[in-house]
N, C-alpha and C. Protein backbone atom coordinates (compact mmCIF):
# COMPACT_ATOMS: atom_id res chain seq x y z
N MET A 1 0.62 -1.22 -0.01
CA MET A 1 -0.05 -0.02 -0.04
C MET A 1 1.03 1.42 0.04
N PRO A 2 0.80 2.31 -0.94
CA PRO A 2 1.50 3.38 -1.08
C PRO A 2 1.40 4.31 0.30
N HIS A 3 2.47 4.92 0.58
CA HIS A 3 2.24 5.77 1.67
C HIS A 3 3.00 7.15 1.42
N LYS A 4 2.75 8.22 2.22
CA LYS A 4 3.06 9.51 1.76
C LYS A 4 4.33 9.92 1.59
N LEU A 5 5.46 9.10 2.57
CA LEU A 5 6.74 9.42 2.89
C LEU A 5 7.50 8.85 1.89
N ARG A 6 7.26 8.56 0.76
CA ARG A 6 8.39 7.99 -0.48
C ARG A 6 9.09 9.01 -0.92
N LYS A 7 10.01 8.66 -1.62
CA LYS A 7 11.20 9.62 -2.04
C LYS A 7 10.49 10.37 -3.18
N ILE A 8 9.75 9.79 -3.90
CA ILE A 8 9.08 10.38 -5.02
C ILE A 8 8.35 11.38 -4.77
N ARG A 9 7.71 11.43 -3.59
CA ARG A 9 6.71 12.55 -3.17
C ARG A 9 7.59 13.63 -2.56
N LYS A 10 8.81 13.34 -2.06
CA LYS A 10 9.53 14.36 -1.57
C LYS A 10 10.33 15.02 -3.05
N GLU A 11 10.64 14.49 -3.85
CA GLU A 11 11.13 14.96 -4.96
C GLU A 11 10.33 15.64 -5.93
N ARG A 12 8.96 15.56 -5.77
CA ARG A 12 8.17 16.26 -6.81
C ARG A 12 8.58 17.82 -6.94
N GLY A 13 8.76 18.17 -8.28
CA GLY A 13 8.89 19.52 -8.83
C GLY A 13 10.32 19.76 -8.62
N SER A 14 11.34 18.86 -8.55
CA SER A 14 12.71 19.18 -8.41
C SER A 14 13.27 18.74 -9.85
N ARG A 15 12.65 18.40 -10.90
CA ARG A 15 13.18 18.10 -12.25
C ARG A 15 14.07 16.87 -12.26
N THR A 16 15.15 16.68 -11.63
CA THR A 16 15.95 15.68 -11.59
C THR A 16 16.05 14.68 -10.43
N HIS A 17 15.20 14.97 -9.49
CA HIS A 17 15.23 13.77 -8.24
C HIS A 17 16.30 13.24 -7.70
N GLY A 18 17.28 14.49 -7.49
CA GLY A 18 18.59 14.16 -6.81
C GLY A 18 19.72 13.74 -7.78
N PHE A 19 19.52 13.34 -9.05
CA PHE A 19 20.51 12.68 -9.75
C PHE A 19 21.39 13.66 -10.61
N GLY A 20 21.44 14.99 -10.16
CA GLY A 20 22.59 15.74 -10.84
C GLY A 20 21.72 16.33 -12.01
N ARG A 21 22.59 16.70 -13.10
CA ARG A 21 22.15 17.55 -14.23
C ARG A 21 21.26 16.71 -15.06
N VAL A 22 20.69 17.28 -16.01
CA VAL A 22 19.57 16.68 -17.02
C VAL A 22 20.31 15.51 -17.52
N GLY A 23 19.44 14.55 -17.72
CA GLY A 23 19.69 13.20 -18.47
C GLY A 23 20.59 12.14 -17.64
N GLN A 24 21.08 12.45 -16.61
CA GLN A 24 21.97 11.63 -15.65
C GLN A 24 20.77 10.65 -15.15
N HIS A 25 21.29 9.28 -14.68
CA HIS A 25 20.55 8.28 -14.16
C HIS A 25 19.53 7.81 -15.17
N ARG A 26 19.92 7.78 -16.50
CA ARG A 26 18.98 7.19 -17.66
C ARG A 26 19.94 6.11 -18.36
N GLY A 27 20.04 4.83 -17.87
CA GLY A 27 20.72 3.80 -18.82
C GLY A 27 22.27 3.73 -18.56
N GLY A 28 22.89 3.48 -19.56
CA GLY A 28 24.34 3.47 -19.31
C GLY A 28 25.19 4.67 -19.86
N GLY A 29 24.56 5.78 -19.92
CA GLY A 29 25.25 6.88 -20.40
C GLY A 29 26.27 7.32 -19.64
N GLN A 30 26.26 7.57 -18.29
CA GLN A 30 27.17 7.87 -17.38
C GLN A 30 28.39 7.05 -17.26
N ARG A 31 28.22 5.74 -17.65
CA ARG A 31 29.40 5.09 -17.65
C ARG A 31 30.24 4.59 -18.99
N GLY A 32 29.42 5.35 -20.15
CA GLY A 32 29.92 5.25 -21.43
C GLY A 32 29.38 4.05 -22.27
N GLY A 33 28.18 3.66 -21.78
CA GLY A 33 27.76 2.56 -22.58
C GLY A 33 27.54 1.21 -21.69
N HIS A 34 26.84 0.19 -22.21
CA HIS A 34 26.74 -0.97 -21.51
C HIS A 34 27.71 -2.04 -22.03
N GLY A 35 28.28 -2.72 -21.34
CA GLY A 35 29.18 -3.75 -21.68
C GLY A 35 30.35 -3.42 -22.41
N LYS A 36 30.45 -3.81 -23.61
CA LYS A 36 31.61 -3.59 -24.44
C LYS A 36 31.48 -2.63 -25.55
N ALA A 37 30.30 -1.65 -25.48
CA ALA A 37 29.92 -0.77 -26.22
C ALA A 37 31.22 0.19 -26.01
N GLY A 38 31.40 0.81 -27.43
CA GLY A 38 32.56 1.94 -27.41
C GLY A 38 34.03 1.25 -27.60
N PHE A 39 34.01 -0.06 -27.76
CA PHE A 39 35.63 -0.57 -27.76
C PHE A 39 36.28 -0.04 -29.10
N HIS A 40 35.62 0.28 -30.13
CA HIS A 40 36.18 0.89 -31.12
C HIS A 40 36.24 2.50 -31.15
N LYS A 41 35.66 2.99 -30.01
CA LYS A 41 35.64 4.39 -29.94
C LYS A 41 36.26 4.86 -28.75
N HIS A 42 35.65 5.29 -27.84
CA HIS A 42 35.94 5.75 -26.53
C HIS A 42 36.65 5.15 -25.58
N LYS A 43 36.44 3.82 -25.78
CA LYS A 43 36.89 2.79 -24.97
C LYS A 43 38.17 2.19 -25.43
N TRP A 44 38.84 2.69 -26.38
CA TRP A 44 39.84 2.01 -27.27
C TRP A 44 41.18 2.12 -26.59
N THR A 45 41.61 2.83 -25.40
CA THR A 45 42.82 2.60 -24.67
C THR A 45 42.58 1.22 -23.88
N TYR A 46 41.18 1.13 -23.42
CA TYR A 46 41.09 -0.14 -22.50
C TYR A 46 41.40 -1.41 -23.39
N VAL A 47 40.97 -1.35 -24.59
CA VAL A 47 41.13 -2.36 -25.50
C VAL A 47 42.62 -2.72 -25.68
N ILE A 48 43.41 -1.58 -25.91
CA ILE A 48 44.88 -1.71 -26.16
C ILE A 48 45.57 -2.34 -24.98
N LYS A 49 45.02 -1.76 -23.86
CA LYS A 49 45.79 -2.14 -22.44
C LYS A 49 45.30 -3.50 -22.10
N TYR A 50 44.06 -4.10 -22.16
CA TYR A 50 43.64 -5.05 -21.48
C TYR A 50 43.35 -6.16 -22.54
N GLU A 51 42.94 -5.87 -23.73
CA GLU A 51 42.22 -7.04 -24.52
C GLU A 51 42.86 -6.50 -25.82
N PRO A 52 43.95 -6.82 -25.98
CA PRO A 52 44.55 -6.35 -27.39
C PRO A 52 44.35 -7.44 -28.40
N ASP A 53 43.86 -8.37 -28.17
CA ASP A 53 43.37 -9.67 -29.33
C ASP A 53 42.06 -9.72 -29.39
N TYR A 54 41.10 -8.82 -29.13
CA TYR A 54 39.71 -8.66 -29.04
C TYR A 54 39.37 -8.73 -30.41
N PHE A 55 39.90 -7.63 -31.57
CA PHE A 55 39.53 -7.50 -32.73
C PHE A 55 40.63 -8.27 -33.61
N GLY A 56 39.79 -8.72 -34.78
CA GLY A 56 40.71 -9.31 -35.96
C GLY A 56 40.51 -10.81 -35.93
N LYS A 57 40.97 -11.43 -36.79
CA LYS A 57 40.78 -12.78 -37.01
C LYS A 57 42.32 -13.67 -37.05
N ARG A 58 42.15 -14.79 -36.66
CA ARG A 58 43.31 -15.69 -36.68
C ARG A 58 43.11 -17.11 -37.07
N GLY A 59 43.85 -17.66 -38.02
CA GLY A 59 43.73 -19.00 -38.36
C GLY A 59 42.59 -19.04 -39.13
N PHE A 60 41.98 -20.36 -39.45
CA PHE A 60 40.69 -20.78 -40.05
C PHE A 60 40.09 -21.79 -39.51
N THR A 61 38.83 -21.87 -39.90
CA THR A 61 38.04 -23.30 -39.66
C THR A 61 37.57 -23.86 -40.61
N SER A 62 37.66 -25.14 -40.87
CA SER A 62 37.18 -25.63 -41.98
C SER A 62 35.69 -25.97 -41.74
N PRO A 63 34.86 -26.24 -42.76
CA PRO A 63 33.52 -26.69 -42.62
C PRO A 63 33.19 -28.16 -41.98
N LYS A 64 32.70 -28.08 -41.12
CA LYS A 64 32.45 -29.32 -40.20
C LYS A 64 32.05 -30.84 -41.08
N SER A 65 31.44 -30.24 -42.40
CA SER A 65 30.79 -31.27 -43.15
C SER A 65 32.03 -32.11 -43.89
N LEU A 66 33.23 -31.33 -44.05
CA LEU A 66 34.21 -31.84 -44.66
C LEU A 66 35.11 -32.60 -43.93
N ARG A 67 35.07 -32.46 -42.56
CA ARG A 67 35.84 -33.10 -41.82
C ARG A 67 35.60 -34.61 -41.42
N GLN A 68 36.74 -35.30 -41.82
CA GLN A 68 36.11 -36.81 -41.16
C GLN A 68 37.23 -37.11 -40.23
N LYS A 69 36.84 -37.94 -39.29
CA LYS A 69 37.41 -38.33 -38.02
C LYS A 69 38.26 -39.70 -38.51
N VAL A 70 39.46 -39.63 -38.52
CA VAL A 70 40.40 -40.80 -38.79
C VAL A 70 41.23 -41.41 -37.66
N SER A 71 40.76 -42.48 -37.31
CA SER A 71 41.54 -43.07 -36.09
C SER A 71 42.42 -44.20 -36.58
N VAL A 72 43.65 -43.74 -36.12
CA VAL A 72 44.80 -44.57 -36.83
C VAL A 72 45.32 -45.60 -35.60
N ILE A 73 46.03 -46.80 -36.03
CA ILE A 73 46.89 -47.69 -35.02
C ILE A 73 48.10 -47.95 -35.83
N ASN A 74 49.27 -48.13 -35.14
CA ASN A 74 50.51 -48.43 -35.83
C ASN A 74 50.43 -50.01 -35.72
N VAL A 75 51.56 -50.21 -36.66
CA VAL A 75 51.80 -51.86 -36.75
C VAL A 75 52.45 -52.38 -35.62
N GLY A 76 53.40 -51.58 -34.98
CA GLY A 76 53.85 -52.09 -33.80
C GLY A 76 53.00 -52.15 -32.55
N THR A 77 52.03 -51.57 -32.61
CA THR A 77 51.06 -51.56 -31.43
C THR A 77 50.04 -52.80 -31.82
N LEU A 78 49.81 -52.97 -32.96
CA LEU A 78 48.92 -54.24 -33.42
C LEU A 78 49.78 -55.36 -33.28
N ASP A 79 51.07 -55.24 -33.47
CA ASP A 79 51.64 -56.78 -33.18
C ASP A 79 51.80 -56.99 -31.67
N GLU A 80 51.78 -56.02 -30.80
CA GLU A 80 51.72 -56.35 -29.47
C GLU A 80 50.46 -56.86 -28.90
N LEU A 81 49.37 -56.44 -29.51
CA LEU A 81 48.01 -56.64 -29.07
C LEU A 81 47.41 -57.72 -30.08
N ALA A 82 48.02 -58.44 -30.74
CA ALA A 82 47.44 -59.17 -31.90
C ALA A 82 46.60 -60.33 -31.18
N GLU A 83 46.96 -60.87 -30.06
CA GLU A 83 46.38 -62.06 -29.28
C GLU A 83 45.04 -61.53 -28.84
N LYS A 84 44.86 -60.18 -28.25
CA LYS A 84 43.78 -59.84 -27.75
C LYS A 84 42.73 -59.32 -28.81
N LEU A 85 43.19 -58.74 -29.89
CA LEU A 85 42.55 -58.32 -30.80
C LEU A 85 42.08 -59.19 -31.95
N SER A 86 42.70 -60.41 -31.92
CA SER A 86 42.22 -61.12 -33.18
C SER A 86 41.07 -61.94 -32.88
N THR A 87 40.18 -62.06 -34.08
CA THR A 87 38.66 -62.78 -33.95
C THR A 87 38.80 -64.34 -34.11
N GLY A 88 40.22 -64.54 -34.62
CA GLY A 88 40.30 -66.01 -35.04
C GLY A 88 41.54 -66.24 -35.85
N LYS A 89 41.94 -67.48 -36.41
CA LYS A 89 42.98 -67.89 -36.95
C LYS A 89 42.63 -68.49 -38.59
N GLU A 90 43.25 -67.91 -39.40
CA GLU A 90 43.12 -68.31 -40.97
C GLU A 90 44.43 -68.86 -41.31
N ASN A 91 44.76 -70.14 -41.79
CA ASN A 91 45.87 -70.80 -42.19
C ASN A 91 47.04 -70.38 -41.38
N GLY A 92 46.67 -70.53 -40.10
CA GLY A 92 47.88 -70.32 -38.81
C GLY A 92 48.22 -68.87 -38.44
N LYS A 93 47.56 -67.99 -39.16
CA LYS A 93 47.84 -66.51 -39.04
C LYS A 93 46.54 -65.86 -38.31
N LEU A 94 46.81 -64.90 -37.37
CA LEU A 94 45.99 -64.23 -36.63
C LEU A 94 45.23 -63.29 -37.66
N PHE A 95 43.67 -63.34 -37.48
CA PHE A 95 42.96 -62.36 -38.24
C PHE A 95 42.21 -61.24 -37.35
N ILE A 96 42.52 -60.02 -37.80
CA ILE A 96 42.26 -58.75 -37.05
C ILE A 96 41.47 -58.00 -37.95
N ASP A 97 40.26 -57.82 -37.58
CA ASP A 97 39.26 -56.89 -38.15
C ASP A 97 39.17 -55.46 -37.57
N LEU A 98 40.01 -54.51 -38.03
CA LEU A 98 40.21 -53.25 -37.31
C LEU A 98 39.02 -52.15 -37.69
N LYS A 99 38.22 -52.59 -38.71
CA LYS A 99 36.92 -51.70 -38.66
C LYS A 99 36.00 -52.01 -37.78
N SER A 100 36.03 -53.20 -37.42
CA SER A 100 34.99 -53.48 -36.39
C SER A 100 35.56 -53.04 -34.85
N LEU A 101 36.84 -52.74 -34.83
CA LEU A 101 37.42 -52.22 -33.77
C LEU A 101 37.37 -50.77 -33.49
N GLY A 102 37.05 -50.23 -34.68
CA GLY A 102 37.00 -48.66 -34.72
C GLY A 102 38.05 -47.97 -35.14
N TYR A 103 39.00 -48.71 -36.09
CA TYR A 103 40.16 -48.05 -36.53
C TYR A 103 39.86 -47.91 -37.79
N THR A 104 40.43 -46.82 -38.69
CA THR A 104 40.19 -46.52 -40.10
C THR A 104 41.22 -46.71 -40.68
N LYS A 105 42.65 -46.63 -40.18
CA LYS A 105 43.77 -46.36 -40.89
C LYS A 105 44.91 -47.18 -40.18
N LEU A 106 45.84 -47.75 -40.90
CA LEU A 106 46.91 -48.47 -40.31
C LEU A 106 48.09 -47.87 -40.78
N LEU A 107 49.00 -47.53 -39.87
CA LEU A 107 50.22 -46.76 -40.15
C LEU A 107 51.46 -47.64 -39.57
N GLY A 108 52.61 -47.50 -40.26
CA GLY A 108 53.60 -48.13 -40.27
C GLY A 108 54.90 -48.27 -39.08
N ALA A 109 54.33 -47.54 -37.99
CA ALA A 109 55.55 -47.19 -36.93
C ALA A 109 55.53 -48.74 -36.28
N GLY A 110 56.91 -49.12 -35.77
CA GLY A 110 57.07 -50.28 -35.09
C GLY A 110 57.45 -51.51 -35.90
N LYS A 111 57.40 -52.74 -35.32
CA LYS A 111 57.95 -53.87 -36.19
C LYS A 111 56.89 -54.92 -35.94
N VAL A 112 56.75 -55.77 -36.94
CA VAL A 112 56.04 -56.76 -36.99
C VAL A 112 56.93 -58.09 -36.83
N THR A 113 56.21 -58.99 -35.78
CA THR A 113 56.98 -60.36 -35.68
C THR A 113 56.18 -61.44 -35.97
N LYS A 114 54.86 -61.42 -35.84
CA LYS A 114 54.02 -62.45 -36.20
C LYS A 114 53.28 -62.33 -37.49
N PRO A 115 52.86 -63.42 -38.17
CA PRO A 115 51.99 -63.24 -39.46
C PRO A 115 50.73 -62.96 -39.09
N LEU A 116 50.17 -61.69 -39.81
CA LEU A 116 48.83 -61.57 -39.32
C LEU A 116 48.06 -61.17 -40.71
N ILE A 117 46.71 -61.32 -40.67
CA ILE A 117 45.93 -61.08 -41.48
C ILE A 117 45.00 -59.91 -40.99
N VAL A 118 45.05 -58.68 -41.62
CA VAL A 118 44.54 -57.44 -41.26
C VAL A 118 43.44 -56.85 -42.17
N LYS A 119 42.25 -56.76 -41.80
CA LYS A 119 41.31 -56.09 -42.48
C LYS A 119 40.90 -54.56 -42.10
N VAL A 120 41.23 -53.91 -42.90
CA VAL A 120 41.06 -52.33 -42.59
C VAL A 120 40.78 -51.37 -43.87
N ALA A 121 40.17 -50.38 -43.43
CA ALA A 121 39.73 -49.32 -44.56
C ALA A 121 40.94 -48.85 -45.50
N SER A 122 41.83 -48.29 -44.65
CA SER A 122 43.20 -47.85 -45.52
C SER A 122 44.40 -48.12 -44.80
N CYS A 123 45.57 -48.11 -45.55
CA CYS A 123 46.77 -48.24 -44.73
C CYS A 123 47.80 -47.64 -45.37
N SER A 124 48.94 -47.24 -44.82
CA SER A 124 50.12 -46.77 -45.40
C SER A 124 50.84 -47.74 -46.34
N LYS A 125 51.78 -47.33 -47.09
CA LYS A 125 52.79 -48.17 -47.82
C LYS A 125 53.73 -49.16 -46.88
N SER A 126 54.38 -48.14 -45.95
CA SER A 126 55.19 -48.94 -45.14
C SER A 126 54.64 -49.94 -44.12
N ALA A 127 53.27 -49.88 -43.77
CA ALA A 127 52.57 -50.58 -43.03
C ALA A 127 52.36 -51.92 -43.81
N ALA A 128 52.05 -51.77 -45.07
CA ALA A 128 51.57 -53.02 -45.94
C ALA A 128 52.86 -53.57 -46.23
N GLU A 129 53.99 -53.04 -46.43
CA GLU A 129 55.20 -53.72 -46.66
C GLU A 129 55.70 -54.50 -45.39
N LYS A 130 55.58 -54.14 -44.14
CA LYS A 130 56.00 -54.66 -43.13
C LYS A 130 55.22 -55.96 -42.90
N ILE A 131 53.90 -55.86 -42.96
CA ILE A 131 52.83 -57.03 -42.59
C ILE A 131 53.39 -58.08 -43.78
N LYS A 132 53.70 -57.76 -45.10
CA LYS A 132 54.00 -58.79 -46.17
C LYS A 132 55.21 -59.36 -45.86
N GLU A 133 56.33 -58.49 -45.47
CA GLU A 133 57.58 -58.97 -45.01
C GLU A 133 57.53 -60.21 -43.92
N ALA A 134 56.37 -59.96 -43.04
CA ALA A 134 56.31 -60.82 -41.86
C ALA A 134 55.24 -62.14 -42.30
N ASP A 135 55.07 -62.44 -43.57
CA ASP A 135 54.25 -63.37 -44.13
C ASP A 135 52.85 -63.20 -43.88
N GLY A 136 52.50 -61.81 -43.79
CA GLY A 136 51.08 -61.52 -43.47
C GLY A 136 50.34 -61.02 -44.77
N GLN A 137 49.16 -60.66 -44.46
CA GLN A 137 48.07 -59.98 -45.64
C GLN A 137 47.23 -59.21 -45.15
N ILE A 138 47.05 -57.92 -46.01
CA ILE A 138 46.10 -57.07 -45.65
C ILE A 138 44.98 -56.91 -46.74
N LEU A 139 43.82 -56.81 -46.22
CA LEU A 139 42.47 -56.82 -46.71
C LEU A 139 42.15 -55.71 -46.58
N ILE A 140 42.04 -54.68 -47.80
CA ILE A 140 41.76 -53.27 -47.93
C ILE A 140 40.17 -52.91 -48.40
N GLU A 141 39.48 -52.59 -47.62
CA GLU A 141 38.04 -52.29 -48.18
C GLU A 141 37.93 -51.04 -48.82
N SER A 142 37.51 -51.08 -50.19
CA SER A 142 37.48 -50.00 -50.90
C SER A 142 36.06 -49.89 -51.32
N GLU A 143 35.52 -48.52 -50.73
CA GLU A 143 34.14 -48.25 -50.82
C GLU A 143 33.96 -47.53 -52.16
N LYS A 144 32.94 -48.24 -53.02
CA LYS A 144 32.78 -47.39 -54.30
C LYS A 144 31.53 -46.72 -54.24
N LEU A 145 31.70 -45.33 -54.43
CA LEU A 145 30.21 -44.65 -54.52
C LEU A 145 29.52 -44.62 -56.01
N GLU A 146 28.36 -45.13 -55.91
CA GLU A 146 27.64 -45.32 -57.09
C GLU A 146 26.23 -44.59 -57.05
């Protein structure tokens, strides 16, 4: 319930109601704008001193539709984990399906000591050579777009 002794009743007829000259106490004018307003104008010295990298661009971002996540595994790691990852034996060689394990590419770092049959989407030349030298075989899945 309103009562007589509110500030607005006391300030009636005073034009500014105790907030100084005309136009003060109206939004963000007294402090030069709200937030980061004026960073290219009257707050430029603040930008130079405290946020020098605020303006401008750096680097680039490729479109997300073109990005393809490639998960890789090296031949040496594959050789160490061959018994755990293999799904069976074919002709005395361990069979490993890397696609079902979530790997898309086989790289050639490390040594191969066991004969392996590896099913993978793609592999490097050095990885293919090392597996063939160890009397192994690579089955590359080539997807045709039709």
